Amino acid sequence: MQVLDTPVAMIENASLAHRRECRSDLSAMEQDASAFELKSPAILVIGAAGGRSLGPPQNPYKTQIAGKEKPGLSRAFLRAAS
């Protein structure tokens, strides 16, 4: 693999439900980011990890407790605190 073929993932609003992802490689990253209209905040993942799917976005501020979605902390923390 040539250096310019290295995969790149550009992820806008990475921790939010409305995140956007643009996949490219180092040789085309600038042009692809411009065409994608990439905006801040964004994360760049360069290398093999940049070529992989990151899966659906998750909300780190919510957790499933007793089948209901509640804002808050992990079950272990809630047990320890009670």
PDB file of N, CA and C in Angstrom:
ATOM      1  N   MET A   1       0.845  -1.180   0.000  1.00  0.00           N
ATOM      2  CA  MET A   1       0.000   0.000   0.000  1.00  0.00           C
ATOM      3  C   MET A   1       0.890   1.243   0.000  1.00  0.00           C
ATOM      4  N   GLN A   2       0.586   2.179  -0.848  1.00  0.00           N
ATOM      5  CA  GLN A   2       1.292   3.451  -0.893  1.00  0.00           C
ATOM      6  C   GLN A   2       0.775   4.347   0.233  1.00  0.00           C
ATOM      7  N   VAL A   3       1.600   5.258   0.699  1.00  0.00           N
ATOM      8  CA  VAL A   3       1.206   6.158   1.784  1.00  0.00           C
ATOM      9  C   VAL A   3      -0.056   6.933   1.426  1.00  0.00           C
ATOM     10  N   LEU A   4      -0.156   7.401   0.198  1.00  0.00           N
ATOM     11  CA  LEU A   4      -1.321   8.197  -0.195  1.00  0.00           C
ATOM     12  C   LEU A   4      -2.599   7.375  -0.302  1.00  0.00           C
ATOM     13  N   ASP A   5      -2.488   6.049  -0.261  1.00  0.00           N
ATOM     14  CA  ASP A   5      -3.670   5.180  -0.270  1.00  0.00           C
ATOM     15  C   ASP A   5      -4.192   4.901   1.136  1.00  0.00           C
ATOM     16  N   THR A   6      -3.567   5.472   2.157  1.00  0.00           N
ATOM     17  CA  THR A   6      -3.971   5.248   3.541  1.00  0.00           C
ATOM     18  C   THR A   6      -5.401   5.741   3.746  1.00  0.00           C
ATOM     19  N   PRO A   7      -6.285   4.895   4.309  1.00  0.00           N
ATOM     20  CA  PRO A   7      -7.675   5.298   4.518  1.00  0.00           C
ATOM     21  C   PRO A   7      -7.806   6.418   5.553  1.00  0.00           C
ATOM     22  N   VAL A   8      -8.823   7.234   5.358  1.00  0.00           N
ATOM     23  CA  VAL A   8      -9.127   8.340   6.263  1.00  0.00           C
ATOM     24  C   VAL A   8     -10.637   8.382   6.461  1.00  0.00           C
ATOM     25  N   ALA A   9     -11.059   8.542   7.707  1.00  0.00           N
ATOM     26  CA  ALA A   9     -12.473   8.795   8.009  1.00  0.00           C
ATOM     27  C   ALA A   9     -12.556  10.193   8.604  1.00  0.00           C
ATOM     28  N   MET A  10     -13.452  11.006   8.078  1.00  0.00           N
ATOM     29  CA  MET A  10     -13.696  12.346   8.604  1.00  0.00           C
ATOM     30  C   MET A  10     -15.096  12.311   9.202  1.00  0.00           C
ATOM     31  N   ILE A  11     -15.189  12.506  10.503  1.00  0.00           N
ATOM     32  CA  ILE A  11     -16.456  12.323  11.211  1.00  0.00           C
ATOM     33  C   ILE A  11     -16.849  13.637  11.869  1.00  0.00           C
ATOM     34  N   GLU A  12     -17.943  14.196  11.394  1.00  0.00           N
ATOM     35  CA  GLU A  12     -18.462  15.458  11.910  1.00  0.00           C
ATOM     36  C   GLU A  12     -19.473  15.143  13.010  1.00  0.00           C
ATOM     37  N   ASN A  13     -19.409  15.866  14.122  1.00  0.00           N
ATOM     38  CA  ASN A  13     -20.327  15.652  15.256  1.00  0.00           C
ATOM     39  C   ASN A  13     -20.337  14.187  15.681  1.00  0.00           C
ATOM     40  N   ALA A  14     -19.171  13.644  15.916  1.00  0.00           N
ATOM     41  CA  ALA A  14     -18.998  12.203  16.131  1.00  0.00           C
ATOM     42  C   ALA A  14     -19.837  11.624  17.256  1.00  0.00           C
ATOM     43  N   SER A  15     -20.091  12.365  18.315  1.00  0.00           N
ATOM     44  CA  SER A  15     -20.821  11.810  19.453  1.00  0.00           C
ATOM     45  C   SER A  15     -22.317  12.089  19.403  1.00  0.00           C
ATOM     46  N   LEU A  16     -22.783  12.677  18.326  1.00  0.00           N
ATOM     47  CA  LEU A  16     -24.193  13.056  18.238  1.00  0.00           C
ATOM     48  C   LEU A  16     -24.956  12.171  17.260  1.00  0.00           C
ATOM     49  N   ALA A  17     -26.261  12.117  17.439  1.00  0.00           N
ATOM     50  CA  ALA A  17     -27.106  11.279  16.581  1.00  0.00           C
ATOM     51  C   ALA A  17     -27.067  11.738  15.124  1.00  0.00           C
ATOM     52  N   HIS A  18     -26.825  13.011  14.886  1.00  0.00           N
ATOM     53  CA  HIS A  18     -26.809  13.532  13.508  1.00  0.00           C
ATOM     54  C   HIS A  18     -25.385  13.608  12.940  1.00  0.00           C
ATOM     55  N   ARG A  19     -24.522  12.701  13.389  1.00  0.00           N
ATOM     56  CA  ARG A  19     -23.147  12.710  12.881  1.00  0.00           C
ATOM     57  C   ARG A  19     -23.120  12.410  11.384  1.00  0.00           C
ATOM     58  N   ARG A  20     -22.071  12.882  10.740  1.00  0.00           N
ATOM     59  CA  ARG A  20     -21.868  12.599   9.319  1.00  0.00           C
ATOM     60  C   ARG A  20     -20.463  12.059   9.148  1.00  0.00           C
ATOM     61  N   GLU A  21     -20.313  11.101   8.234  1.00  0.00           N
ATOM     62  CA  GLU A  21     -19.012  10.485   7.979  1.00  0.00           C
ATOM     63  C   GLU A  21     -18.667  10.592   6.502  1.00  0.00           C
ATOM     64  N   CYS A  22     -17.419  10.880   6.243  1.00  0.00           N
ATOM     65  CA  CYS A  22     -16.904  10.888   4.878  1.00  0.00           C
ATOM     66  C   CYS A  22     -15.657  10.018   4.867  1.00  0.00           C
ATOM     67  N   ARG A  23     -15.633   9.019   3.993  1.00  0.00           N
ATOM     68  CA  ARG A  23     -14.473   8.125   3.862  1.00  0.00           C
ATOM     69  C   ARG A  23     -13.668   8.539   2.644  1.00  0.00           C
ATOM     70  N   SER A  24     -12.354   8.502   2.799  1.00  0.00           N
ATOM     71  CA  SER A  24     -11.475   8.901   1.705  1.00  0.00           C
ATOM     72  C   SER A  24     -10.115   8.229   1.906  1.00  0.00           C
ATOM     73  N   ASP A  25      -9.108   8.760   1.239  1.00  0.00           N
ATOM     74  CA  ASP A  25      -7.725   8.362   1.498  1.00  0.00           C
ATOM     75  C   ASP A  25      -6.890   9.640   1.515  1.00  0.00           C
ATOM     76  N   LEU A  26      -5.645   9.517   1.925  1.00  0.00           N
ATOM     77  CA  LEU A  26      -4.816  10.717   2.075  1.00  0.00           C
ATOM     78  C   LEU A  26      -4.685  11.522   0.788  1.00  0.00           C
ATOM     79  N   SER A  27      -4.675  10.847  -0.352  1.00  0.00           N
ATOM     80  CA  SER A  27      -4.488  11.567  -1.618  1.00  0.00           C
ATOM     81  C   SER A  27      -5.682  12.445  -1.983  1.00  0.00           C
ATOM     82  N   ALA A  28      -6.880  12.089  -1.537  1.00  0.00           N
ATOM     83  CA  ALA A  28      -8.091  12.822  -1.923  1.00  0.00           C
ATOM     84  C   ALA A  28      -8.789  13.484  -0.740  1.00  0.00           C
ATOM     85  N   MET A  29      -8.186  13.420   0.436  1.00  0.00           N
ATOM     86  CA  MET A  29      -8.841  13.897   1.654  1.00  0.00           C
ATOM     87  C   MET A  29      -9.280  15.359   1.554  1.00  0.00           C
ATOM     88  N   GLU A  30      -8.414  16.234   1.094  1.00  0.00           N
ATOM     89  CA  GLU A  30      -8.747  17.657   1.026  1.00  0.00           C
ATOM     90  C   GLU A  30      -9.928  17.915   0.084  1.00  0.00           C
ATOM     91  N   GLN A  31      -9.890  17.324  -1.099  1.00  0.00           N
ATOM     92  CA  GLN A  31     -10.972  17.524  -2.063  1.00  0.00           C
ATOM     93  C   GLN A  31     -12.282  16.915  -1.550  1.00  0.00           C
ATOM     94  N   ASP A  32     -12.208  15.721  -0.960  1.00  0.00           N
ATOM     95  CA  ASP A  32     -13.418  15.065  -0.462  1.00  0.00           C
ATOM     96  C   ASP A  32     -14.027  15.823   0.711  1.00  0.00           C
ATOM     97  N   ALA A  33     -13.194  16.343   1.607  1.00  0.00           N
ATOM     98  CA  ALA A  33     -13.695  17.126   2.742  1.00  0.00           C
ATOM     99  C   ALA A  33     -14.389  18.388   2.249  1.00  0.00           C
ATOM    100  N   SER A  34     -13.825  19.006   1.231  1.00  0.00           N
ATOM    101  CA  SER A  34     -14.425  20.211   0.659  1.00  0.00           C
ATOM    102  C   SER A  34     -15.757  19.897  -0.016  1.00  0.00           C
ATOM    103  N   ALA A  35     -15.804  18.842  -0.813  1.00  0.00           N
ATOM    104  CA  ALA A  35     -17.044  18.450  -1.494  1.00  0.00           C
ATOM    105  C   ALA A  35     -18.114  18.019  -0.492  1.00  0.00           C
ATOM    106  N   PHE A  36     -17.703  17.404   0.601  1.00  0.00           N
ATOM    107  CA  PHE A  36     -18.603  16.940   1.652  1.00  0.00           C
ATOM    108  C   PHE A  36     -19.078  18.103   2.522  1.00  0.00           C
ATOM    109  N   GLU A  37     -18.388  19.248   2.415  1.00  0.00           N
ATOM    110  CA  GLU A  37     -18.638  20.431   3.236  1.00  0.00           C
ATOM    111  C   GLU A  37     -18.484  20.101   4.716  1.00  0.00           C
ATOM    112  N   LEU A  38     -17.390  19.427   5.031  1.00  0.00           N
ATOM    113  CA  LEU A  38     -17.077  19.036   6.401  1.00  0.00           C
ATOM    114  C   LEU A  38     -16.956  20.273   7.278  1.00  0.00           C
ATOM    115  N   LYS A  39     -17.628  20.229   8.437  1.00  0.00           N
ATOM    116  CA  LYS A  39     -17.611  21.358   9.365  1.00  0.00           C
ATOM    117  C   LYS A  39     -17.109  20.902  10.729  1.00  0.00           C
ATOM    118  N   SER A  40     -16.671  21.851  11.508  1.00  0.00           N
ATOM    119  CA  SER A  40     -16.215  21.595  12.869  1.00  0.00           C
ATOM    120  C   SER A  40     -17.434  21.475  13.789  1.00  0.00           C
ATOM    121  N   PRO A  41     -17.390  20.662  14.812  1.00  0.00           N
ATOM    122  CA  PRO A  41     -16.296  19.816  15.253  1.00  0.00           C
ATOM    123  C   PRO A  41     -16.235  18.533  14.432  1.00  0.00           C
ATOM    124  N   ALA A  42     -15.041  18.093  14.159  1.00  0.00           N
ATOM    125  CA  ALA A  42     -14.850  16.863  13.389  1.00  0.00           C
ATOM    126  C   ALA A  42     -13.613  16.131  13.894  1.00  0.00           C
ATOM    127  N   ILE A  43     -13.639  14.835  13.714  1.00  0.00           N
ATOM    128  CA  ILE A  43     -12.524  13.976  14.097  1.00  0.00           C
ATOM    129  C   ILE A  43     -11.976  13.344  12.826  1.00  0.00           C
ATOM    130  N   LEU A  44     -10.669  13.256  12.733  1.00  0.00           N
ATOM    131  CA  LEU A  44     -10.028  12.547  11.628  1.00  0.00           C
ATOM    132  C   LEU A  44      -9.455  11.243  12.163  1.00  0.00           C
ATOM    133  N   VAL A  45      -9.784  10.138  11.511  1.00  0.00           N
ATOM    134  CA  VAL A  45      -9.218   8.838  11.855  1.00  0.00           C
ATOM    135  C   VAL A  45      -8.392   8.411  10.652  1.00  0.00           C
ATOM    136  N   ILE A  46      -7.093   8.320  10.838  1.00  0.00           N
ATOM    137  CA  ILE A  46      -6.181   8.033   9.735  1.00  0.00           C
ATOM    138  C   ILE A  46      -5.541   6.673   9.954  1.00  0.00           C
ATOM    139  N   GLY A  47      -5.589   5.828   8.931  1.00  0.00           N
ATOM    140  CA  GLY A  47      -5.008   4.494   9.022  1.00  0.00           C
ATOM    141  C   GLY A  47      -6.070   3.432   8.851  1.00  0.00           C
ATOM    142  N   ALA A  48      -5.730   2.202   9.213  1.00  0.00           N
ATOM    143  CA  ALA A  48      -6.639   1.071   9.012  1.00  0.00           C
ATOM    144  C   ALA A  48      -7.991   1.297   9.682  1.00  0.00           C
ATOM    145  N   ALA A  49      -7.998   1.907  10.860  1.00  0.00           N
ATOM    146  CA  ALA A  49      -9.264   2.158  11.558  1.00  0.00           C
ATOM    147  C   ALA A  49     -10.153   3.114  10.768  1.00  0.00           C
ATOM    148  N   GLY A  50      -9.560   4.004   9.980  1.00  0.00           N
ATOM    149  CA  GLY A  50     -10.331   4.941   9.173  1.00  0.00           C
ATOM    150  C   GLY A  50     -11.089   4.283   8.043  1.00  0.00           C
ATOM    151  N   GLY A  51     -10.716   3.068   7.691  1.00  0.00           N
ATOM    152  CA  GLY A  51     -11.398   2.344   6.626  1.00  0.00           C
ATOM    153  C   GLY A  51     -12.531   1.470   7.117  1.00  0.00           C
ATOM    154  N   ARG A  52     -12.728   1.431   8.424  1.00  0.00           N
ATOM    155  CA  ARG A  52     -13.769   0.574   9.006  1.00  0.00           C
ATOM    156  C   ARG A  52     -14.989   1.382   9.382  1.00  0.00           C
ATOM    157  N   SER A  53     -16.143   0.714   9.369  1.00  0.00           N
ATOM    158  CA  SER A  53     -17.380   1.352   9.808  1.00  0.00           C
ATOM    159  C   SER A  53     -17.354   1.486  11.320  1.00  0.00           C
ATOM    160  N   LEU A  54     -17.811   2.609  11.810  1.00  0.00           N
ATOM    161  CA  LEU A  54     -17.827   2.843  13.250  1.00  0.00           C
ATOM    162  C   LEU A  54     -19.147   2.436  13.888  1.00  0.00           C
ATOM    163  N   GLY A  55     -20.097   1.983  13.099  1.00  0.00           N
ATOM    164  CA  GLY A  55     -21.383   1.555  13.644  1.00  0.00           C
ATOM    165  C   GLY A  55     -22.305   2.731  13.902  1.00  0.00           C
ATOM    166  N   PRO A  56     -23.506   2.442  14.403  1.00  0.00           N
ATOM    167  CA  PRO A  56     -24.479   3.510  14.625  1.00  0.00           C
ATOM    168  C   PRO A  56     -24.044   4.409  15.780  1.00  0.00           C
ATOM    169  N   PRO A  57     -24.423   5.683  15.734  1.00  0.00           N
ATOM    170  CA  PRO A  57     -24.077   6.572  16.838  1.00  0.00           C
ATOM    171  C   PRO A  57     -24.790   6.147  18.108  1.00  0.00           C
ATOM    172  N   GLN A  58     -24.146   6.344  19.232  1.00  0.00           N
ATOM    173  CA  GLN A  58     -24.747   6.031  20.519  1.00  0.00           C
ATOM    174  C   GLN A  58     -24.714   7.268  21.389  1.00  0.00           C
ATOM    175  N   ASN A  59     -25.709   7.404  22.247  1.00  0.00           N
ATOM    176  CA  ASN A  59     -25.766   8.535  23.154  1.00  0.00           C
ATOM    177  C   ASN A  59     -25.094   8.137  24.461  1.00  0.00           C
ATOM    178  N   PRO A  60     -23.930   8.694  24.783  1.00  0.00           N
ATOM    179  CA  PRO A  60     -23.228   8.290  25.996  1.00  0.00           C
ATOM    180  C   PRO A  60     -23.895   8.783  27.268  1.00  0.00           C
ATOM    181  N   TYR A  61     -24.911   9.640  27.159  1.00  0.00           N
ATOM    182  CA  TYR A  61     -25.559  10.199  28.338  1.00  0.00           C
ATOM    183  C   TYR A  61     -26.830   9.472  28.726  1.00  0.00           C
ATOM    184  N   LYS A  62     -27.154   8.390  28.037  1.00  0.00           N
ATOM    185  CA  LYS A  62     -28.353   7.618  28.356  1.00  0.00           C
ATOM    186  C   LYS A  62     -27.972   6.162  28.506  1.00  0.00           C
ATOM    187  N   THR A  63     -28.710   5.461  29.320  1.00  0.00           N
ATOM    188  CA  THR A  63     -28.463   4.040  29.502  1.00  0.00           C
ATOM    189  C   THR A  63     -29.797   3.337  29.690  1.00  0.00           C
ATOM    190  N   GLN A  64     -29.848   2.059  29.397  1.00  0.00           N
ATOM    191  CA  GLN A  64     -31.060   1.281  29.601  1.00  0.00           C
ATOM    192  C   GLN A  64     -31.091   0.777  31.037  1.00  0.00           C
ATOM    193  N   ILE A  65     -32.122   1.121  31.769  1.00  0.00           N
ATOM    194  CA  ILE A  65     -32.318   0.622  33.129  1.00  0.00           C
ATOM    195  C   ILE A  65     -33.741   0.107  33.223  1.00  0.00           C
ATOM    196  N   ALA A  66     -33.899  -1.163  33.550  1.00  0.00           N
ATOM    197  CA  ALA A  66     -35.207  -1.798  33.716  1.00  0.00           C
ATOM    198  C   ALA A  66     -36.102  -1.587  32.501  1.00  0.00           C
ATOM    199  N   GLY A  67     -35.511  -1.618  31.317  1.00  0.00           N
ATOM    200  CA  GLY A  67     -36.289  -1.525  30.091  1.00  0.00           C
ATOM    201  C   GLY A  67     -36.726  -0.128  29.721  1.00  0.00           C
ATOM    202  N   LYS A  68     -36.376   0.859  30.524  1.00  0.00           N
ATOM    203  CA  LYS A  68     -36.743   2.238  30.217  1.00  0.00           C
ATOM    204  C   LYS A  68     -35.476   3.050  30.008  1.00  0.00           C
ATOM    205  N   GLU A  69     -35.542   3.935  29.047  1.00  0.00           N
ATOM    206  CA  GLU A  69     -34.395   4.788  28.792  1.00  0.00           C
ATOM    207  C   GLU A  69     -34.428   5.938  29.783  1.00  0.00           C
ATOM    208  N   LYS A  70     -33.371   6.071  30.555  1.00  0.00           N
ATOM    209  CA  LYS A  70     -33.285   7.151  31.528  1.00  0.00           C
ATOM    210  C   LYS A  70     -31.926   7.813  31.394  1.00  0.00           C
ATOM    211  N   PRO A  71     -31.893   9.135  31.529  1.00  0.00           N
ATOM    212  CA  PRO A  71     -30.590   9.771  31.536  1.00  0.00           C
ATOM    213  C   PRO A  71     -29.858   9.341  32.792  1.00  0.00           C
ATOM    214  N   GLY A  72     -28.577   9.233  32.714  1.00  0.00           N
ATOM    215  CA  GLY A  72     -27.879   8.932  33.946  1.00  0.00           C
ATOM    216  C   GLY A  72     -26.654   8.080  33.792  1.00  0.00           C
ATOM    217  N   LEU A  73     -26.436   7.312  34.822  1.00  0.00           N
ATOM    218  CA  LEU A  73     -25.187   6.597  34.970  1.00  0.00           C
ATOM    219  C   LEU A  73     -25.384   5.102  34.831  1.00  0.00           C
ATOM    220  N   SER A  74     -24.298   4.371  34.852  1.00  0.00           N
ATOM    221  CA  SER A  74     -24.350   2.927  34.680  1.00  0.00           C
ATOM    222  C   SER A  74     -25.045   2.248  35.852  1.00  0.00           C
ATOM    223  N   ARG A  75     -25.533   1.044  35.627  1.00  0.00           N
ATOM    224  CA  ARG A  75     -26.201   0.274  36.677  1.00  0.00           C
ATOM    225  C   ARG A  75     -25.284   0.043  37.864  1.00  0.00           C
ATOM    226  N   ALA A  76     -24.019  -0.288  37.603  1.00  0.00           N
ATOM    227  CA  ALA A  76     -23.075  -0.548  38.692  1.00  0.00           C
ATOM    228  C   ALA A  76     -22.910   0.688  39.572  1.00  0.00           C
ATOM    229  N   PHE A  77     -22.829   1.853  38.957  1.00  0.00           N
ATOM    230  CA  PHE A  77     -22.696   3.082  39.731  1.00  0.00           C
ATOM    231  C   PHE A  77     -23.954   3.336  40.543  1.00  0.00           C
ATOM    232  N   LEU A  78     -25.122   3.120  39.945  1.00  0.00           N
ATOM    233  CA  LEU A  78     -26.376   3.348  40.661  1.00  0.00           C
ATOM    234  C   LEU A  78     -26.519   2.392  41.841  1.00  0.00           C
ATOM    235  N   ARG A  79     -26.104   1.124  41.668  1.00  0.00           N
ATOM    236  CA  ARG A  79     -26.161   0.162  42.783  1.00  0.00           C
ATOM    237  C   ARG A  79     -25.227   0.597  43.904  1.00  0.00           C
ATOM    238  N   ALA A  80     -24.037   1.017  43.556  1.00  0.00           N
ATOM    239  CA  ALA A  80     -23.052   1.417  44.562  1.00  0.00           C
ATOM    240  C   ALA A  80     -23.489   2.672  45.307  1.00  0.00           C
ATOM    241  N   ALA A  81     -24.206   3.531  44.637  1.00  0.00           N
ATOM    242  CA  ALA A  81     -24.630   4.791  45.240  1.00  0.00           C
ATOM    243  C   ALA A  81     -25.851   4.633  46.139  1.00  0.00           C
ATOM    244  N   SER A  82     -26.581   3.519  45.999  1.00  0.00           N
ATOM    245  CA  SER A  82     -27.813   3.376  46.796  1.00  0.00           C
ATOM    246  C   SER A  82     -27.582   2.631  48.084  1.00  0.00           C
TER     247      SER A  82
END
